[in-house]
Amino acid sequence: MKTNQNDSLNGSPVSLDKDKQDLGGTRPASASGPHRLLMLALLAGLLVMLGTAVWQRFSEPELVQQVAHVSAQHSQEEMSAVGRLMEQVSQNPTDMDGLLSLVNALVKMENWEAAENFARRAIELDGKDPRPLHLLGVIQHNTGRHADAARTLEGVIALRDDPSVRYSLGVLYIYYLNDKERGLAQLRAGLALPGISDSLKKHIQSELDKGEQKASAGDAANGQQ
């Protein structure tokens, strides 16, 4: 299966490495139910932003789970890798790719505070680059700030509209912010974007069908009262 060109934003792939021993992460959140669905959407969007094809992760869901269920134990090699990234960023504070690599590594470790600090530094470096904003949205969702995450992801699509980000927003509004109409609107907008891959279209359509069926059932029940 070929990667659709419009599914990917230009950007260098980042490594998912471990940070230093003094940057301890928290235990991963549950990946069941709506959380797992949203994490899949967010990670898929993040992979697009960082130059990885969406369809690969949808066709290999175990890879998504591998990121979502990161172990609390990290090797010395992984910690050294994050140490090298920190040194790289220290020596060249304007290296956007280095900053994104570091943030992505900290996200994998679930060291949310450090990840957010570096993500905000990347945003200050280039406010027109959607990649650090997307990372910030992932961080905010995982730290329970769902309304903030939605606002951040709205900022991402204002810079560069993308169906995977629309998917993330749809899931976020429907399952976490109790705003089904806004969530369905985001899913419809994502589905209408040109160049959407077949795999992503299938996932968006599935969520859209479920949401519209529930809305129709609710309207029918209200009409009988």
N, C-alpha and C. Protein backbone atom coordinates (compact mmCIF):
# COMPACT_ATOMS: atom_id res chain seq x y z
N MET A 1 0.85 -1.21 0.00
CA MET A 1 0.00 0.00 0.00
C MET A 1 0.86 1.24 0.00
N LYS A 2 0.58 2.18 -0.85
CA LYS A 2 1.39 3.37 -0.96
C LYS A 2 0.95 4.43 0.02
N THR A 3 1.89 5.19 0.47
CA THR A 3 1.59 6.31 1.36
C THR A 3 1.02 7.45 0.55
N ASN A 4 -0.10 8.03 1.01
CA ASN A 4 -0.67 9.18 0.33
C ASN A 4 0.12 10.41 0.68
N GLN A 5 0.55 11.14 -0.30
CA GLN A 5 1.43 12.29 -0.09
C GLN A 5 0.79 13.33 0.82
N ASN A 6 -0.52 13.54 0.71
CA ASN A 6 -1.18 14.56 1.50
C ASN A 6 -1.39 14.15 2.93
N ASP A 7 -1.14 12.88 3.28
CA ASP A 7 -1.28 12.43 4.65
C ASP A 7 -0.09 12.82 5.52
N SER A 8 0.97 13.32 4.91
CA SER A 8 2.19 13.56 5.67
C SER A 8 2.65 14.99 5.54
N LEU A 9 2.95 15.60 6.69
CA LEU A 9 3.56 16.92 6.67
C LEU A 9 5.06 16.75 6.61
N ASN A 10 5.72 17.70 5.97
CA ASN A 10 7.17 17.63 5.90
C ASN A 10 7.76 17.77 7.29
N GLY A 11 8.68 16.90 7.62
CA GLY A 11 9.33 16.95 8.93
C GLY A 11 10.18 15.72 9.08
N SER A 12 11.25 15.81 9.85
CA SER A 12 12.14 14.67 10.00
C SER A 12 11.61 13.74 11.05
N PRO A 13 11.73 12.40 10.83
CA PRO A 13 11.29 11.46 11.83
C PRO A 13 12.07 11.65 13.12
N VAL A 14 11.43 11.39 14.24
CA VAL A 14 12.12 11.53 15.51
C VAL A 14 12.23 10.17 16.16
N SER A 15 13.25 10.01 16.97
CA SER A 15 13.44 8.76 17.68
C SER A 15 12.69 8.81 18.99
N LEU A 16 12.24 7.62 19.43
CA LEU A 16 11.53 7.51 20.70
C LEU A 16 12.48 6.88 21.71
N ASP A 17 13.26 7.73 22.36
CA ASP A 17 14.30 7.26 23.25
C ASP A 17 13.99 7.60 24.69
N LYS A 18 14.84 7.13 25.63
CA LYS A 18 14.69 7.33 27.07
C LYS A 18 15.49 8.55 27.51
N ASP A 19 15.05 9.19 28.62
CA ASP A 19 15.79 10.36 29.07
C ASP A 19 16.71 10.01 30.22
N LYS A 20 17.28 11.05 30.86
CA LYS A 20 18.22 10.85 31.94
C LYS A 20 17.54 10.31 33.18
N GLN A 21 18.33 9.78 34.13
CA GLN A 21 17.78 9.21 35.34
C GLN A 21 17.09 10.26 36.19
N ASP A 22 17.49 11.52 36.10
CA ASP A 22 16.89 12.54 36.93
C ASP A 22 15.60 13.09 36.34
N LEU A 23 15.15 12.52 35.19
CA LEU A 23 13.90 12.94 34.59
C LEU A 23 12.93 11.76 34.64
N GLY A 24 12.45 11.43 35.80
CA GLY A 24 11.61 10.25 35.96
C GLY A 24 10.21 10.51 35.45
N GLY A 25 9.65 9.54 34.67
CA GLY A 25 8.31 9.68 34.15
C GLY A 25 7.30 9.02 35.07
N THR A 26 6.03 9.29 34.82
CA THR A 26 4.97 8.67 35.57
C THR A 26 4.56 7.38 34.92
N ARG A 27 3.72 6.62 35.61
CA ARG A 27 3.25 5.36 35.04
C ARG A 27 2.26 5.66 33.94
N PRO A 28 2.24 4.81 32.89
CA PRO A 28 1.34 5.08 31.78
C PRO A 28 -0.11 4.99 32.18
N ALA A 29 -0.93 5.83 31.50
CA ALA A 29 -2.36 5.78 31.74
C ALA A 29 -2.96 4.57 31.04
N SER A 30 -4.15 4.22 31.45
CA SER A 30 -4.83 3.08 30.84
C SER A 30 -5.08 3.34 29.37
N ALA A 31 -4.91 2.30 28.57
CA ALA A 31 -5.14 2.45 27.13
C ALA A 31 -6.44 1.80 26.72
N SER A 32 -7.36 1.58 27.67
CA SER A 32 -8.62 0.95 27.36
C SER A 32 -9.66 1.99 27.02
N GLY A 33 -10.68 1.57 26.24
CA GLY A 33 -11.81 2.43 25.96
C GLY A 33 -11.44 3.70 25.23
N PRO A 34 -12.12 4.79 25.60
CA PRO A 34 -11.89 6.07 24.89
C PRO A 34 -10.45 6.55 24.94
N HIS A 35 -9.74 6.28 26.07
CA HIS A 35 -8.35 6.74 26.15
C HIS A 35 -7.51 6.09 25.07
N ARG A 36 -7.67 4.79 24.88
CA ARG A 36 -6.88 4.10 23.86
C ARG A 36 -7.24 4.64 22.47
N LEU A 37 -8.54 4.89 22.24
CA LEU A 37 -8.97 5.42 20.96
C LEU A 37 -8.33 6.76 20.68
N LEU A 38 -8.36 7.64 21.68
CA LEU A 38 -7.79 8.97 21.47
C LEU A 38 -6.28 8.90 21.34
N MET A 39 -5.63 8.03 22.13
CA MET A 39 -4.19 7.92 22.01
C MET A 39 -3.81 7.42 20.62
N LEU A 40 -4.60 6.49 20.07
CA LEU A 40 -4.32 6.02 18.71
C LEU A 40 -4.44 7.18 17.73
N ALA A 41 -5.50 7.99 17.91
CA ALA A 41 -5.69 9.13 17.02
C ALA A 41 -4.57 10.14 17.16
N LEU A 42 -4.21 10.47 18.39
CA LEU A 42 -3.15 11.46 18.63
C LEU A 42 -1.81 10.97 18.11
N LEU A 43 -1.51 9.70 18.38
CA LEU A 43 -0.23 9.17 17.93
C LEU A 43 -0.17 9.09 16.41
N ALA A 44 -1.30 8.72 15.80
CA ALA A 44 -1.33 8.68 14.34
C ALA A 44 -1.07 10.06 13.77
N GLY A 45 -1.73 11.06 14.35
CA GLY A 45 -1.51 12.42 13.89
C GLY A 45 -0.10 12.88 14.12
N LEU A 46 0.46 12.50 15.26
CA LEU A 46 1.83 12.88 15.57
C LEU A 46 2.80 12.25 14.58
N LEU A 47 2.56 10.99 14.23
CA LEU A 47 3.41 10.32 13.27
C LEU A 47 3.34 11.01 11.91
N VAL A 48 2.15 11.50 11.56
CA VAL A 48 2.02 12.25 10.30
C VAL A 48 2.84 13.52 10.37
N MET A 49 2.69 14.24 11.49
CA MET A 49 3.42 15.50 11.63
C MET A 49 4.92 15.29 11.55
N LEU A 50 5.37 14.14 12.02
CA LEU A 50 6.80 13.89 12.07
C LEU A 50 7.29 13.09 10.87
N GLY A 51 6.42 12.90 9.89
CA GLY A 51 6.87 12.34 8.62
C GLY A 51 6.71 10.84 8.48
N THR A 52 5.93 10.19 9.32
CA THR A 52 5.70 8.75 9.23
C THR A 52 4.30 8.50 8.68
N ALA A 53 4.17 7.55 7.81
CA ALA A 53 2.88 7.30 7.16
C ALA A 53 1.84 6.82 8.16
N VAL A 54 0.64 7.40 8.10
CA VAL A 54 -0.45 7.00 9.00
C VAL A 54 -0.84 5.55 8.77
N TRP A 55 -0.94 5.15 7.54
CA TRP A 55 -1.49 3.82 7.26
C TRP A 55 -0.65 2.72 7.86
N GLN A 56 0.65 2.94 8.02
CA GLN A 56 1.50 1.92 8.61
C GLN A 56 1.10 1.65 10.05
N ARG A 57 0.79 2.71 10.80
CA ARG A 57 0.44 2.52 12.19
C ARG A 57 -0.97 1.96 12.35
N PHE A 58 -1.87 2.30 11.43
CA PHE A 58 -3.20 1.73 11.51
C PHE A 58 -3.20 0.26 11.11
N SER A 59 -2.34 -0.10 10.18
CA SER A 59 -2.28 -1.49 9.76
C SER A 59 -1.44 -2.32 10.70
N GLU A 60 -0.68 -1.69 11.59
CA GLU A 60 0.13 -2.39 12.59
C GLU A 60 -0.19 -1.82 13.97
N PRO A 61 -1.41 -2.09 14.49
CA PRO A 61 -1.82 -1.46 15.75
C PRO A 61 -0.94 -1.81 16.92
N GLU A 62 -0.22 -2.94 16.85
CA GLU A 62 0.65 -3.29 17.96
C GLU A 62 1.76 -2.26 18.13
N LEU A 63 2.13 -1.57 17.06
CA LEU A 63 3.15 -0.54 17.17
C LEU A 63 2.62 0.65 17.95
N VAL A 64 1.35 0.97 17.74
CA VAL A 64 0.73 2.04 18.51
C VAL A 64 0.67 1.65 19.98
N GLN A 65 0.26 0.42 20.25
CA GLN A 65 0.18 -0.04 21.62
C GLN A 65 1.55 -0.05 22.28
N GLN A 66 2.56 -0.35 21.50
CA GLN A 66 3.91 -0.40 22.05
C GLN A 66 4.33 0.97 22.57
N VAL A 67 3.91 2.02 21.88
CA VAL A 67 4.19 3.37 22.35
C VAL A 67 3.32 3.71 23.54
N ALA A 68 2.03 3.33 23.48
CA ALA A 68 1.09 3.69 24.54
C ALA A 68 1.36 2.94 25.83
N HIS A 69 1.97 1.75 25.75
CA HIS A 69 2.22 0.94 26.93
C HIS A 69 3.72 0.88 27.25
N VAL A 70 4.37 2.00 27.17
CA VAL A 70 5.81 2.03 27.41
C VAL A 70 6.13 1.56 28.83
N SER A 71 7.16 0.76 28.94
CA SER A 71 7.55 0.23 30.25
C SER A 71 8.14 1.32 31.13
N ALA A 72 7.97 1.13 32.43
CA ALA A 72 8.54 2.09 33.38
C ALA A 72 10.05 1.91 33.50
N GLN A 73 10.55 0.78 33.02
CA GLN A 73 11.97 0.50 33.11
C GLN A 73 12.65 0.90 31.81
N HIS A 74 13.78 1.56 31.94
CA HIS A 74 14.48 2.04 30.76
C HIS A 74 15.95 1.68 30.86
N SER A 75 16.52 1.36 29.72
CA SER A 75 17.90 0.92 29.70
C SER A 75 18.84 2.11 29.78
N GLN A 76 20.07 1.80 30.15
CA GLN A 76 21.09 2.83 30.19
C GLN A 76 21.32 3.42 28.80
N GLU A 77 21.20 2.57 27.79
CA GLU A 77 21.37 3.04 26.41
C GLU A 77 20.31 4.08 26.06
N GLU A 78 19.07 3.82 26.49
CA GLU A 78 17.99 4.77 26.22
C GLU A 78 18.22 6.08 26.96
N MET A 79 18.63 5.98 28.20
CA MET A 79 18.89 7.20 28.98
C MET A 79 20.03 8.00 28.37
N SER A 80 21.03 7.29 27.89
CA SER A 80 22.16 7.98 27.26
C SER A 80 21.72 8.69 25.99
N ALA A 81 20.78 8.08 25.26
CA ALA A 81 20.29 8.70 24.03
C ALA A 81 19.61 10.04 24.32
N VAL A 82 18.79 10.07 25.39
CA VAL A 82 18.14 11.33 25.74
C VAL A 82 19.18 12.34 26.24
N GLY A 83 20.19 11.85 26.95
CA GLY A 83 21.27 12.73 27.38
C GLY A 83 21.95 13.39 26.19
N ARG A 84 22.15 12.61 25.13
CA ARG A 84 22.78 13.17 23.93
C ARG A 84 21.87 14.20 23.27
N LEU A 85 20.57 13.93 23.28
CA LEU A 85 19.63 14.90 22.71
C LEU A 85 19.65 16.20 23.50
N MET A 86 19.71 16.09 24.82
CA MET A 86 19.76 17.29 25.64
C MET A 86 21.04 18.09 25.37
N GLU A 87 22.13 17.38 25.21
CA GLU A 87 23.39 18.06 24.91
C GLU A 87 23.32 18.73 23.54
N GLN A 88 22.69 18.04 22.58
CA GLN A 88 22.54 18.59 21.24
C GLN A 88 21.72 19.88 21.27
N VAL A 89 20.62 19.87 22.03
CA VAL A 89 19.76 21.04 22.13
C VAL A 89 20.46 22.16 22.88
N SER A 90 21.25 21.80 23.88
CA SER A 90 21.99 22.80 24.64
C SER A 90 23.01 23.51 23.76
N GLN A 91 23.66 22.76 22.89
CA GLN A 91 24.67 23.34 22.02
C GLN A 91 24.06 24.14 20.86
N ASN A 92 22.84 23.74 20.46
CA ASN A 92 22.17 24.42 19.35
C ASN A 92 20.70 24.62 19.71
N PRO A 93 20.38 25.65 20.49
CA PRO A 93 19.01 25.87 20.95
C PRO A 93 18.00 26.12 19.85
N THR A 94 18.46 26.44 18.64
CA THR A 94 17.53 26.70 17.54
C THR A 94 17.34 25.48 16.64
N ASP A 95 17.82 24.33 17.06
CA ASP A 95 17.67 23.09 16.29
C ASP A 95 16.28 22.52 16.54
N MET A 96 15.34 22.82 15.65
CA MET A 96 13.96 22.38 15.83
C MET A 96 13.85 20.86 15.82
N ASP A 97 14.53 20.21 14.90
CA ASP A 97 14.45 18.75 14.84
C ASP A 97 15.00 18.11 16.12
N GLY A 98 16.06 18.70 16.66
CA GLY A 98 16.60 18.19 17.92
C GLY A 98 15.61 18.36 19.06
N LEU A 99 14.96 19.52 19.12
CA LEU A 99 13.95 19.76 20.15
C LEU A 99 12.80 18.78 20.03
N LEU A 100 12.32 18.57 18.82
CA LEU A 100 11.20 17.64 18.61
C LEU A 100 11.59 16.21 18.98
N SER A 101 12.81 15.83 18.66
CA SER A 101 13.29 14.49 19.04
C SER A 101 13.30 14.34 20.55
N LEU A 102 13.75 15.37 21.23
CA LEU A 102 13.80 15.34 22.69
C LEU A 102 12.40 15.29 23.30
N VAL A 103 11.51 16.13 22.80
CA VAL A 103 10.13 16.12 23.31
C VAL A 103 9.48 14.76 23.09
N ASN A 104 9.68 14.21 21.90
CA ASN A 104 9.08 12.92 21.57
C ASN A 104 9.61 11.83 22.50
N ALA A 105 10.89 11.87 22.80
CA ALA A 105 11.48 10.90 23.72
C ALA A 105 10.89 11.04 25.11
N LEU A 106 10.70 12.26 25.56
CA LEU A 106 10.13 12.50 26.89
C LEU A 106 8.66 12.10 26.93
N VAL A 107 7.95 12.28 25.82
CA VAL A 107 6.55 11.84 25.74
C VAL A 107 6.48 10.33 25.88
N LYS A 108 7.37 9.64 25.22
CA LYS A 108 7.38 8.18 25.32
C LYS A 108 7.62 7.73 26.75
N MET A 109 8.49 8.44 27.46
CA MET A 109 8.77 8.12 28.86
C MET A 109 7.67 8.57 29.80
N GLU A 110 6.76 9.37 29.26
CA GLU A 110 5.68 9.97 30.04
C GLU A 110 6.22 10.91 31.11
N ASN A 111 7.32 11.56 30.78
CA ASN A 111 7.85 12.63 31.63
C ASN A 111 7.21 13.92 31.12
N TRP A 112 5.96 14.13 31.56
CA TRP A 112 5.14 15.17 30.97
C TRP A 112 5.66 16.58 31.24
N GLU A 113 6.15 16.83 32.44
CA GLU A 113 6.59 18.18 32.78
C GLU A 113 7.77 18.61 31.91
N ALA A 114 8.77 17.74 31.81
CA ALA A 114 9.93 18.08 30.98
C ALA A 114 9.54 18.16 29.51
N ALA A 115 8.67 17.24 29.06
CA ALA A 115 8.23 17.25 27.67
C ALA A 115 7.52 18.56 27.34
N GLU A 116 6.66 19.01 28.25
CA GLU A 116 5.94 20.26 28.00
C GLU A 116 6.88 21.46 27.96
N ASN A 117 7.86 21.47 28.84
CA ASN A 117 8.81 22.59 28.85
C ASN A 117 9.53 22.71 27.51
N PHE A 118 9.99 21.58 26.99
CA PHE A 118 10.71 21.62 25.72
C PHE A 118 9.77 21.86 24.54
N ALA A 119 8.53 21.37 24.63
CA ALA A 119 7.56 21.62 23.57
C ALA A 119 7.27 23.12 23.47
N ARG A 120 7.11 23.77 24.63
CA ARG A 120 6.84 25.21 24.62
C ARG A 120 8.06 25.99 24.11
N ARG A 121 9.24 25.49 24.39
CA ARG A 121 10.44 26.13 23.85
C ARG A 121 10.44 26.03 22.33
N ALA A 122 10.01 24.88 21.80
CA ALA A 122 9.96 24.71 20.35
C ALA A 122 8.90 25.62 19.73
N ILE A 123 7.78 25.81 20.43
CA ILE A 123 6.73 26.69 19.94
C ILE A 123 7.24 28.13 19.89
N GLU A 124 7.98 28.53 20.91
CA GLU A 124 8.56 29.88 20.93
C GLU A 124 9.57 30.05 19.80
N LEU A 125 10.25 28.97 19.45
CA LEU A 125 11.24 29.02 18.38
C LEU A 125 10.58 29.28 17.03
N ASP A 126 9.45 28.61 16.78
CA ASP A 126 8.75 28.80 15.51
C ASP A 126 7.26 28.54 15.74
N GLY A 127 6.52 29.62 15.94
CA GLY A 127 5.09 29.51 16.21
C GLY A 127 4.27 29.08 15.02
N LYS A 128 4.88 29.00 13.84
CA LYS A 128 4.16 28.59 12.65
C LYS A 128 4.38 27.13 12.29
N ASP A 129 5.16 26.44 13.10
CA ASP A 129 5.41 25.02 12.88
C ASP A 129 4.37 24.23 13.67
N PRO A 130 3.52 23.42 13.02
CA PRO A 130 2.47 22.71 13.75
C PRO A 130 2.96 21.54 14.59
N ARG A 131 4.18 21.07 14.37
CA ARG A 131 4.65 19.86 15.05
C ARG A 131 4.76 20.01 16.56
N PRO A 132 5.41 21.06 17.08
CA PRO A 132 5.47 21.17 18.54
C PRO A 132 4.10 21.41 19.17
N LEU A 133 3.20 22.08 18.46
CA LEU A 133 1.84 22.26 18.97
C LEU A 133 1.14 20.92 19.11
N HIS A 134 1.34 20.06 18.12
CA HIS A 134 0.72 18.73 18.18
C HIS A 134 1.25 17.95 19.37
N LEU A 135 2.55 18.01 19.58
CA LEU A 135 3.14 17.34 20.74
C LEU A 135 2.56 17.89 22.04
N LEU A 136 2.39 19.21 22.11
CA LEU A 136 1.81 19.81 23.30
C LEU A 136 0.40 19.31 23.53
N GLY A 137 -0.38 19.15 22.46
CA GLY A 137 -1.72 18.60 22.60
C GLY A 137 -1.73 17.20 23.17
N VAL A 138 -0.78 16.36 22.74
CA VAL A 138 -0.65 15.01 23.28
C VAL A 138 -0.35 15.07 24.78
N ILE A 139 0.56 15.95 25.15
CA ILE A 139 0.95 16.11 26.55
C ILE A 139 -0.24 16.57 27.39
N GLN A 140 -0.96 17.55 26.90
CA GLN A 140 -2.09 18.09 27.65
C GLN A 140 -3.18 17.05 27.85
N HIS A 141 -3.46 16.26 26.82
CA HIS A 141 -4.46 15.20 26.99
C HIS A 141 -4.02 14.21 28.06
N ASN A 142 -2.77 13.81 28.02
CA ASN A 142 -2.29 12.80 28.94
C ASN A 142 -2.15 13.31 30.37
N THR A 143 -2.19 14.59 30.56
CA THR A 143 -2.16 15.15 31.91
C THR A 143 -3.54 15.65 32.33
N GLY A 144 -4.57 15.20 31.62
CA GLY A 144 -5.94 15.47 32.02
C GLY A 144 -6.49 16.83 31.64
N ARG A 145 -5.75 17.60 30.85
CA ARG A 145 -6.20 18.94 30.45
C ARG A 145 -6.82 18.86 29.05
N HIS A 146 -7.98 18.24 29.00
CA HIS A 146 -8.58 17.92 27.71
C HIS A 146 -9.04 19.17 26.96
N ALA A 147 -9.60 20.15 27.67
CA ALA A 147 -10.02 21.39 27.00
C ALA A 147 -8.81 22.12 26.43
N ASP A 148 -7.71 22.14 27.19
CA ASP A 148 -6.48 22.75 26.69
C ASP A 148 -5.97 22.00 25.46
N ALA A 149 -6.04 20.67 25.52
CA ALA A 149 -5.58 19.86 24.38
C ALA A 149 -6.39 20.18 23.14
N ALA A 150 -7.71 20.34 23.30
CA ALA A 150 -8.56 20.66 22.15
C ALA A 150 -8.18 22.02 21.57
N ARG A 151 -7.97 23.01 22.44
CA ARG A 151 -7.58 24.34 21.95
C ARG A 151 -6.25 24.28 21.20
N THR A 152 -5.33 23.50 21.74
CA THR A 152 -4.02 23.37 21.09
C THR A 152 -4.14 22.72 19.72
N LEU A 153 -4.93 21.65 19.64
CA LEU A 153 -5.09 20.97 18.35
C LEU A 153 -5.87 21.83 17.36
N GLU A 154 -6.77 22.67 17.85
CA GLU A 154 -7.42 23.63 16.96
C GLU A 154 -6.37 24.57 16.37
N GLY A 155 -5.36 24.91 17.17
CA GLY A 155 -4.27 25.73 16.68
C GLY A 155 -3.45 25.02 15.62
N VAL A 156 -3.33 23.71 15.76
CA VAL A 156 -2.59 22.92 14.76
C VAL A 156 -3.28 23.01 13.41
N ILE A 157 -4.60 22.78 13.38
CA ILE A 157 -5.29 22.78 12.09
C ILE A 157 -5.40 24.20 11.51
N ALA A 158 -5.30 25.21 12.37
CA ALA A 158 -5.27 26.58 11.86
C ALA A 158 -4.00 26.84 11.08
N LEU A 159 -2.91 26.14 11.47
CA LEU A 159 -1.65 26.28 10.76
C LEU A 159 -1.58 25.36 9.54
N ARG A 160 -2.08 24.16 9.70
CA ARG A 160 -2.04 23.18 8.62
C ARG A 160 -3.13 22.15 8.86
N ASP A 161 -4.21 22.24 8.07
CA ASP A 161 -5.32 21.31 8.25
C ASP A 161 -4.87 19.90 7.89
N ASP A 162 -5.32 18.95 8.68
CA ASP A 162 -4.88 17.57 8.48
C ASP A 162 -5.97 16.63 8.99
N PRO A 163 -6.33 15.60 8.24
CA PRO A 163 -7.43 14.73 8.66
C PRO A 163 -7.16 13.97 9.95
N SER A 164 -5.90 13.63 10.21
CA SER A 164 -5.60 12.89 11.45
C SER A 164 -5.80 13.77 12.68
N VAL A 165 -5.52 15.07 12.55
CA VAL A 165 -5.74 15.99 13.66
C VAL A 165 -7.24 16.21 13.85
N ARG A 166 -7.98 16.30 12.77
CA ARG A 166 -9.44 16.39 12.86
C ARG A 166 -10.01 15.16 13.57
N TYR A 167 -9.47 14.01 13.25
CA TYR A 167 -9.89 12.77 13.91
C TYR A 167 -9.63 12.85 15.41
N SER A 168 -8.44 13.30 15.79
CA SER A 168 -8.10 13.45 17.20
C SER A 168 -9.09 14.39 17.89
N LEU A 169 -9.38 15.52 17.25
CA LEU A 169 -10.29 16.48 17.84
C LEU A 169 -11.69 15.91 17.97
N GLY A 170 -12.13 15.16 16.96
CA GLY A 170 -13.45 14.54 17.03
C GLY A 170 -13.58 13.61 18.22
N VAL A 171 -12.59 12.75 18.40
CA VAL A 171 -12.61 11.82 19.53
C VAL A 171 -12.53 12.57 20.86
N LEU A 172 -11.71 13.60 20.90
CA LEU A 172 -11.54 14.39 22.12
C LEU A 172 -12.85 15.06 22.52
N TYR A 173 -13.52 15.70 21.57
CA TYR A 173 -14.77 16.38 21.89
C TYR A 173 -15.87 15.39 22.29
N ILE A 174 -15.97 14.28 21.57
CA ILE A 174 -17.06 13.34 21.82
C ILE A 174 -16.89 12.62 23.16
N TYR A 175 -15.68 12.10 23.42
CA TYR A 175 -15.49 11.23 24.58
C TYR A 175 -15.02 11.94 25.83
N TYR A 176 -14.39 13.09 25.69
CA TYR A 176 -13.78 13.74 26.86
C TYR A 176 -14.41 15.09 27.21
N LEU A 177 -14.99 15.77 26.24
CA LEU A 177 -15.52 17.11 26.49
C LEU A 177 -17.04 17.16 26.36
N ASN A 178 -17.65 16.01 26.12
CA ASN A 178 -19.12 15.91 26.07
C ASN A 178 -19.72 16.92 25.10
N ASP A 179 -19.07 17.07 23.97
CA ASP A 179 -19.55 18.00 22.95
C ASP A 179 -19.65 17.22 21.64
N LYS A 180 -20.72 16.41 21.56
CA LYS A 180 -20.85 15.49 20.43
C LYS A 180 -20.99 16.23 19.10
N GLU A 181 -21.76 17.33 19.08
CA GLU A 181 -21.96 18.03 17.83
C GLU A 181 -20.65 18.59 17.28
N ARG A 182 -19.85 19.17 18.16
CA ARG A 182 -18.56 19.70 17.70
C ARG A 182 -17.65 18.56 17.26
N GLY A 183 -17.70 17.44 17.99
CA GLY A 183 -16.88 16.30 17.61
C GLY A 183 -17.27 15.74 16.26
N LEU A 184 -18.58 15.59 16.02
CA LEU A 184 -19.03 15.09 14.73
C LEU A 184 -18.65 16.05 13.61
N ALA A 185 -18.71 17.34 13.89
CA ALA A 185 -18.32 18.34 12.88
C ALA A 185 -16.85 18.18 12.51
N GLN A 186 -16.00 17.91 13.50
CA GLN A 186 -14.58 17.71 13.22
C GLN A 186 -14.37 16.45 12.38
N LEU A 187 -15.10 15.39 12.68
CA LEU A 187 -14.97 14.15 11.91
C LEU A 187 -15.41 14.37 10.47
N ARG A 188 -16.52 15.09 10.28
CA ARG A 188 -16.99 15.36 8.91
C ARG A 188 -15.97 16.20 8.14
N ALA A 189 -15.40 17.19 8.83
CA ALA A 189 -14.41 18.03 8.17
C ALA A 189 -13.17 17.23 7.78
N GLY A 190 -12.74 16.32 8.65
CA GLY A 190 -11.59 15.49 8.34
C GLY A 190 -11.85 14.57 7.16
N LEU A 191 -13.07 14.03 7.12
CA LEU A 191 -13.43 13.11 6.05
C LEU A 191 -13.49 13.82 4.70
N ALA A 192 -13.78 15.11 4.71
CA ALA A 192 -13.92 15.88 3.47
C ALA A 192 -12.59 16.39 2.93
N LEU A 193 -11.52 16.29 3.71
CA LEU A 193 -10.24 16.82 3.26
C LEU A 193 -9.68 15.97 2.11
N PRO A 194 -9.06 16.61 1.13
CA PRO A 194 -8.49 15.85 0.01
C PRO A 194 -7.26 15.07 0.43
N GLY A 195 -7.07 13.93 -0.23
CA GLY A 195 -5.85 13.17 -0.01
C GLY A 195 -5.84 12.29 1.22
N ILE A 196 -6.97 12.14 1.90
CA ILE A 196 -7.01 11.30 3.10
C ILE A 196 -6.79 9.84 2.71
N SER A 197 -6.04 9.13 3.51
CA SER A 197 -5.75 7.72 3.20
C SER A 197 -6.98 6.86 3.46
N ASP A 198 -7.01 5.70 2.84
CA ASP A 198 -8.14 4.79 3.02
C ASP A 198 -8.27 4.32 4.47
N SER A 199 -7.14 4.05 5.11
CA SER A 199 -7.17 3.56 6.48
C SER A 199 -7.74 4.60 7.43
N LEU A 200 -7.27 5.84 7.30
CA LEU A 200 -7.76 6.89 8.16
C LEU A 200 -9.23 7.19 7.86
N LYS A 201 -9.59 7.17 6.59
CA LYS A 201 -10.99 7.39 6.22
C LYS A 201 -11.89 6.34 6.88
N LYS A 202 -11.45 5.11 6.93
CA LYS A 202 -12.23 4.05 7.54
C LYS A 202 -12.46 4.32 9.03
N HIS A 203 -11.41 4.76 9.72
CA HIS A 203 -11.53 5.02 11.16
C HIS A 203 -12.43 6.23 11.44
N ILE A 204 -12.28 7.28 10.65
CA ILE A 204 -13.12 8.46 10.84
C ILE A 204 -14.59 8.12 10.54
N GLN A 205 -14.81 7.39 9.46
CA GLN A 205 -16.19 7.04 9.10
C GLN A 205 -16.83 6.18 10.17
N SER A 206 -16.06 5.27 10.75
CA SER A 206 -16.58 4.41 11.81
C SER A 206 -17.05 5.24 13.01
N GLU A 207 -16.22 6.19 13.43
CA GLU A 207 -16.60 7.05 14.56
C GLU A 207 -17.78 7.94 14.20
N LEU A 208 -17.79 8.42 12.98
CA LEU A 208 -18.89 9.28 12.54
C LEU A 208 -20.20 8.51 12.51
N ASP A 209 -20.17 7.28 12.01
CA ASP A 209 -21.38 6.45 11.97
C ASP A 209 -21.90 6.18 13.37
N LYS A 210 -21.01 5.84 14.30
CA LYS A 210 -21.43 5.58 15.67
C LYS A 210 -22.06 6.81 16.30
N GLY A 211 -21.42 7.95 16.10
CA GLY A 211 -21.93 9.18 16.69
C GLY A 211 -23.28 9.59 16.12
N GLU A 212 -23.44 9.45 14.80
CA GLU A 212 -24.69 9.84 14.18
C GLU A 212 -25.82 8.88 14.53
N GLN A 213 -25.51 7.58 14.68
CA GLN A 213 -26.52 6.62 15.09
C GLN A 213 -27.02 6.91 16.49
N LYS A 214 -26.10 7.25 17.41
CA LYS A 214 -26.50 7.58 18.77
C LYS A 214 -27.32 8.87 18.80
N ALA A 215 -26.93 9.83 17.97
CA ALA A 215 -27.68 11.08 17.92
C ALA A 215 -29.08 10.85 17.40
N SER A 216 -29.23 9.99 16.38
CA SER A 216 -30.55 9.69 15.82
C SER A 216 -31.41 8.95 16.83
N ALA A 217 -30.79 8.02 17.57
CA ALA A 217 -31.53 7.28 18.59
C ALA A 217 -32.00 8.21 19.70
N GLY A 218 -31.16 9.18 20.06
CA GLY A 218 -31.54 10.14 21.08
C GLY A 218 -32.69 11.02 20.63
N ASP A 219 -32.65 11.45 19.38
CA ASP A 219 -33.71 12.29 18.85
C ASP A 219 -35.04 11.53 18.81
N ALA A 220 -34.97 10.23 18.43
CA ALA A 220 -36.18 9.41 18.37
C ALA A 220 -36.77 9.23 19.77
N ALA A 221 -35.91 9.01 20.76
CA ALA A 221 -36.38 8.83 22.12
C ALA A 221 -37.03 10.10 22.65
N ASN A 222 -36.45 11.25 22.31
CA ASN A 222 -37.02 12.53 22.75
C ASN A 222 -38.36 12.78 22.10
N GLY A 223 -38.51 12.32 20.85
CA GLY A 223 -39.76 12.54 20.15
C GLY A 223 -40.90 11.71 20.71
N GLN A 224 -40.58 10.58 21.35
CA GLN A 224 -41.61 9.74 21.92
C GLN A 224 -42.08 10.20 23.29
N GLN A 225 -41.33 11.11 23.89
CA GLN A 225 -41.68 11.59 25.23
C GLN A 225 -42.84 12.60 25.19
